[in-house]
């Protein structure tokens, strides 16, 4: 959902396993990201500024529980659970 200061509008997204998007934010280069996933199905979406649509991006390699942008950079820090293993915590710097 997107709030424009007056009303909420729904943003159409690609199919996401179990619909689990957990965080959204803007990287230092202005790219808007939505990330999440469940089990061995991590997901990252990047918003295409030209078309205004969300598209799948490369997998962050872990099931995302949260992320932080890097000011002045396209990079992100991603925290979550490793794709393989039983609730193994993982943190990585990811450029998407």
C-alpha atoms as a PDB file:
ATOM      1  CA  UNK A   1       0.000   0.000   0.000  1.00  0.00           C
ATOM      2  CA  UNK A   2       1.166   3.535  -0.695  1.00  0.00           C
ATOM      3  CA  UNK A   3       0.095   6.631   1.253  1.00  0.00           C
ATOM      4  CA  UNK A   4       0.185   9.829  -0.835  1.00  0.00           C
ATOM      5  CA  UNK A   5      -0.674  12.141   2.053  1.00  0.00           C
ATOM      6  CA  UNK A   6      -4.402  11.884   1.441  1.00  0.00           C
ATOM      7  CA  UNK A   7      -5.333   8.292   0.662  1.00  0.00           C
ATOM      8  CA  UNK A   8      -3.981   4.727   0.492  1.00  0.00           C
ATOM      9  CA  UNK A   9      -3.633   2.998  -2.870  1.00  0.00           C
ATOM     10  CA  UNK A  10      -2.753  -0.636  -3.455  1.00  0.00           C
ATOM     11  CA  UNK A  11       0.428  -1.342  -5.403  1.00  0.00           C
ATOM     12  CA  UNK A  12       0.317  -4.390  -7.653  1.00  0.00           C
ATOM     13  CA  UNK A  13       3.187  -6.809  -6.975  1.00  0.00           C
ATOM     14  CA  UNK A  14       4.411 -10.040  -8.562  1.00  0.00           C
ATOM     15  CA  UNK A  15       3.369 -13.285  -6.882  1.00  0.00           C
ATOM     16  CA  UNK A  16       5.265 -13.679  -3.592  1.00  0.00           C
ATOM     17  CA  UNK A  17       5.445 -17.069  -1.782  1.00  0.00           C
ATOM     18  CA  UNK A  18       2.891 -16.961   1.039  1.00  0.00           C
ATOM     19  CA  UNK A  19       2.556 -13.215   0.411  1.00  0.00           C
ATOM     20  CA  UNK A  20       5.226 -12.482   2.991  1.00  0.00           C
ATOM     21  CA  UNK A  21       6.778  -9.119   2.339  1.00  0.00           C
ATOM     22  CA  UNK A  22       8.358  -7.959   5.587  1.00  0.00           C
ATOM     23  CA  UNK A  23      10.000  -4.610   4.894  1.00  0.00           C
ATOM     24  CA  UNK A  24      10.074  -1.771   2.402  1.00  0.00           C
ATOM     25  CA  UNK A  25      12.563   1.070   2.091  1.00  0.00           C
ATOM     26  CA  UNK A  26      14.463   3.374  -0.207  1.00  0.00           C
ATOM     27  CA  UNK A  27      18.180   2.860  -0.869  1.00  0.00           C
ATOM     28  CA  UNK A  28      20.580   5.800  -0.991  1.00  0.00           C
ATOM     29  CA  UNK A  29      20.408   5.849  -4.793  1.00  0.00           C
ATOM     30  CA  UNK A  30      16.598   6.273  -4.674  1.00  0.00           C
ATOM     31  CA  UNK A  31      15.702   2.666  -5.527  1.00  0.00           C
ATOM     32  CA  UNK A  32      12.633   1.447  -3.633  1.00  0.00           C
ATOM     33  CA  UNK A  33      12.819  -2.130  -2.291  1.00  0.00           C
ATOM     34  CA  UNK A  34      10.358  -4.593  -0.712  1.00  0.00           C
ATOM     35  CA  UNK A  35      11.801  -7.794   0.778  1.00  0.00           C
ATOM     36  CA  UNK A  36      10.653 -10.889   2.640  1.00  0.00           C
ATOM     37  CA  UNK A  37       9.940 -14.564   2.061  1.00  0.00           C
ATOM     38  CA  UNK A  38       9.304 -17.749   3.979  1.00  0.00           C
ATOM     39  CA  UNK A  39      11.348 -20.901   4.467  1.00  0.00           C
ATOM     40  CA  UNK A  40      13.683 -21.498   1.557  1.00  0.00           C
ATOM     41  CA  UNK A  41      11.824 -18.926  -0.576  1.00  0.00           C
ATOM     42  CA  UNK A  42      13.429 -15.500  -0.088  1.00  0.00           C
ATOM     43  CA  UNK A  43      12.061 -12.671  -2.191  1.00  0.00           C
ATOM     44  CA  UNK A  44      13.175  -9.177  -3.159  1.00  0.00           C
ATOM     45  CA  UNK A  45      11.194  -6.744  -5.269  1.00  0.00           C
ATOM     46  CA  UNK A  46      12.538  -3.557  -6.835  1.00  0.00           C
ATOM     47  CA  UNK A  47      10.281  -0.749  -8.031  1.00  0.00           C
ATOM     48  CA  UNK A  48      10.928   0.366 -11.603  1.00  0.00           C
ATOM     49  CA  UNK A  49      10.755   4.176 -11.493  1.00  0.00           C
ATOM     50  CA  UNK A  50      10.009   4.379 -15.247  1.00  0.00           C
ATOM     51  CA  UNK A  51       6.959   2.109 -15.199  1.00  0.00           C
ATOM     52  CA  UNK A  52       5.894   2.463 -11.553  1.00  0.00           C
ATOM     53  CA  UNK A  53       5.732  -1.338 -11.261  1.00  0.00           C
ATOM     54  CA  UNK A  54       7.318  -3.788  -8.826  1.00  0.00           C
ATOM     55  CA  UNK A  55       9.504  -6.534 -10.336  1.00  0.00           C
ATOM     56  CA  UNK A  56      11.414  -9.456  -8.834  1.00  0.00           C
ATOM     57  CA  UNK A  57      15.092  -8.809  -8.184  1.00  0.00           C
ATOM     58  CA  UNK A  58      17.936 -11.228  -7.510  1.00  0.00           C
ATOM     59  CA  UNK A  59      17.448 -13.268  -4.348  1.00  0.00           C
ATOM     60  CA  UNK A  60      19.201 -11.844  -1.282  1.00  0.00           C
ATOM     61  CA  UNK A  61      20.278 -15.418  -0.423  1.00  0.00           C
ATOM     62  CA  UNK A  62      18.510 -15.458   2.933  1.00  0.00           C
ATOM     63  CA  UNK A  63      14.937 -15.240   4.170  1.00  0.00           C
ATOM     64  CA  UNK A  64      14.679 -11.563   5.022  1.00  0.00           C
ATOM     65  CA  UNK A  65      13.303 -10.397   8.355  1.00  0.00           C
ATOM     66  CA  UNK A  66      14.519  -6.814   7.954  1.00  0.00           C
ATOM     67  CA  UNK A  67      16.937  -4.597   6.103  1.00  0.00           C
ATOM     68  CA  UNK A  68      18.623  -1.239   6.269  1.00  0.00           C
ATOM     69  CA  UNK A  69      19.670   1.072   3.493  1.00  0.00           C
ATOM     70  CA  UNK A  70      23.217   2.422   3.129  1.00  0.00           C
ATOM     71  CA  UNK A  71      23.135   6.242   2.770  1.00  0.00           C
ATOM     72  CA  UNK A  72      24.549   7.439  -0.538  1.00  0.00           C
ATOM     73  CA  UNK A  73      24.718   3.876  -1.884  1.00  0.00           C
ATOM     74  CA  UNK A  74      22.628   1.333  -3.761  1.00  0.00           C
ATOM     75  CA  UNK A  75      23.688  -1.278  -1.175  1.00  0.00           C
ATOM     76  CA  UNK A  76      21.500  -2.765   1.545  1.00  0.00           C
ATOM     77  CA  UNK A  77      22.230  -4.643   4.772  1.00  0.00           C
ATOM     78  CA  UNK A  78      19.899  -7.606   5.069  1.00  0.00           C
ATOM     79  CA  UNK A  79      19.189  -9.631   8.225  1.00  0.00           C
ATOM     80  CA  UNK A  80      17.212 -12.831   8.450  1.00  0.00           C
ATOM     81  CA  UNK A  81      17.460 -16.589   8.370  1.00  0.00           C
ATOM     82  CA  UNK A  82      19.772 -18.642   6.153  1.00  0.00           C
ATOM     83  CA  UNK A  83      18.002 -20.456   3.306  1.00  0.00           C
ATOM     84  CA  UNK A  84      19.555 -23.743   4.440  1.00  0.00           C
ATOM     85  CA  UNK A  85      19.486 -24.818   8.064  1.00  0.00           C
ATOM     86  CA  UNK A  86      17.087 -24.682  10.959  1.00  0.00           C
ATOM     87  CA  UNK A  87      16.617 -21.043  11.933  1.00  0.00           C
ATOM     88  CA  UNK A  88      20.271 -20.135  11.356  1.00  0.00           C
ATOM     89  CA  UNK A  89      20.629 -16.338  11.680  1.00  0.00           C
ATOM     90  CA  UNK A  90      22.327 -14.513   8.807  1.00  0.00           C
ATOM     91  CA  UNK A  91      23.368 -10.941   7.972  1.00  0.00           C
ATOM     92  CA  UNK A  92      24.770  -9.846   4.636  1.00  0.00           C
ATOM     93  CA  UNK A  93      25.483  -6.733   2.589  1.00  0.00           C
ATOM     94  CA  UNK A  94      23.515  -7.053  -0.594  1.00  0.00           C
ATOM     95  CA  UNK A  95      23.556  -4.943  -3.733  1.00  0.00           C
ATOM     96  CA  UNK A  96      20.471  -6.448  -5.390  1.00  0.00           C
END
